[in-house]
């Protein structure tokens, strides 16, 4: 058995301003078009994160649980800088 993709979710428990987060994260790696899709899409070198205004995060593309945890924690700390 080989793990090729892990999909994980997290809930930060508070609302997020996706417009402010887009500016904080930089336009190079983010997509946010609320008319098309209700989440901010952040593309890292190895993963993709969907960040919803409700505070929920979906992480996909990684194959290691430690990497998933670190990626979500990193994004959570970047979000806290905006809030």
Protein backbone atom coordinates (compact mmCIF):
# COMPACT_ATOMS: atom_id res chain seq x y z
CA UNK A 1 0.00 0.00 0.00
CA UNK A 2 1.29 3.44 -0.93
CA UNK A 3 -0.18 6.71 0.28
CA UNK A 4 -0.32 9.09 -2.66
CA UNK A 5 -2.50 11.88 -1.26
CA UNK A 6 -3.87 12.87 2.13
CA UNK A 7 -6.86 15.17 2.44
CA UNK A 8 -7.17 16.80 5.85
CA UNK A 9 -9.47 19.42 7.33
CA UNK A 10 -9.08 21.83 10.22
CA UNK A 11 -11.37 24.37 11.87
CA UNK A 12 -9.87 27.53 13.37
CA UNK A 13 -13.13 28.39 15.09
CA UNK A 14 -13.42 31.98 13.90
CA UNK A 15 -14.26 33.89 10.76
CA UNK A 16 -11.50 35.02 8.40
CA UNK A 17 -11.31 38.00 6.06
CA UNK A 18 -10.23 36.28 2.87
CA UNK A 19 -9.53 39.61 1.16
CA UNK A 20 -7.00 40.56 3.85
CA UNK A 21 -5.52 37.06 3.83
CA UNK A 22 -5.02 37.24 0.06
CA UNK A 23 -2.97 40.41 0.51
CA UNK A 24 -0.98 38.88 3.40
CA UNK A 25 -0.15 35.68 1.49
CA UNK A 26 0.70 37.44 -1.77
CA UNK A 27 -0.93 37.21 -5.13
CA UNK A 28 1.69 34.83 -6.57
CA UNK A 29 0.37 31.77 -4.75
CA UNK A 30 -3.25 32.67 -4.06
CA UNK A 31 -6.48 32.70 -5.98
CA UNK A 32 -9.58 34.28 -4.54
CA UNK A 33 -12.57 34.89 -6.76
CA UNK A 34 -15.67 34.70 -4.54
CA UNK A 35 -17.98 34.84 -7.57
CA UNK A 36 -16.44 31.57 -8.83
CA UNK A 37 -15.60 29.67 -5.62
CA UNK A 38 -16.19 30.61 -1.95
CA UNK A 39 -12.67 29.78 -0.71
CA UNK A 40 -9.20 31.21 -1.04
CA UNK A 41 -6.96 28.75 -2.88
CA UNK A 42 -3.34 28.75 -1.72
CA UNK A 43 -0.89 26.72 -3.79
CA UNK A 44 2.33 25.81 -2.02
CA UNK A 45 5.18 23.91 -3.68
CA UNK A 46 3.79 20.57 -2.48
CA UNK A 47 0.22 21.19 -1.31
CA UNK A 48 -2.98 23.06 -1.97
CA UNK A 49 -4.95 24.68 0.84
CA UNK A 50 -8.53 25.85 0.61
CA UNK A 51 -9.30 28.47 3.24
CA UNK A 52 -12.96 29.32 3.83
CA UNK A 53 -14.23 32.51 5.48
CA UNK A 54 -15.82 30.34 8.19
CA UNK A 55 -12.33 29.42 9.43
CA UNK A 56 -12.28 25.95 7.92
CA UNK A 57 -9.20 24.77 6.03
CA UNK A 58 -8.83 21.85 3.65
CA UNK A 59 -5.32 20.62 2.87
CA UNK A 60 -4.51 18.23 0.04
CA UNK A 61 -1.54 16.99 -1.94
CA UNK A 62 0.78 15.78 0.83
CA UNK A 63 1.67 12.16 1.63
CA UNK A 64 2.98 12.52 5.18
CA UNK A 65 0.83 13.26 8.25
CA UNK A 66 3.64 15.28 9.86
CA UNK A 67 3.88 17.50 6.77
CA UNK A 68 0.09 17.97 6.76
CA UNK A 69 0.13 19.02 10.40
CA UNK A 70 3.01 21.45 9.87
CA UNK A 71 1.39 22.96 6.77
CA UNK A 72 -1.92 23.57 8.54
CA UNK A 73 -0.19 24.99 11.62
CA UNK A 74 1.87 27.31 9.42
CA UNK A 75 -1.26 28.57 7.65
CA UNK A 76 -3.07 29.00 10.97
CA UNK A 77 -0.25 31.19 12.29
CA UNK A 78 -0.29 33.28 9.11
CA UNK A 79 -4.05 33.71 9.47
CA UNK A 80 -3.65 34.79 13.10
CA UNK A 81 -1.32 37.58 11.89
CA UNK A 82 -4.19 38.94 9.77
CA UNK A 83 -6.87 38.63 12.44
